[in-house]
Amino acid sequence: MCKWSAFLLFLLSLAACASGSARAVTLVADGETRTLATEALTIRDLLAEAG
């Protein structure tokens, strides 16, 4: 029973970490302002996502 409890706790922890929450980010480039909802962790990822 203890193994199953540990496994369940592991799965719940993994699910909590995996579910990212989107952040609102304002991007200003060349005088144009865009607000994006993103789960990007780095600026590089954000820019790649924005296109």
Foldseek 3Di string as FASTA:
>chain_A
DVVVVVVVVVVVVVVVVPDAFWDWDWDADPNDIDIDTDRDPDPVVVVVVVD
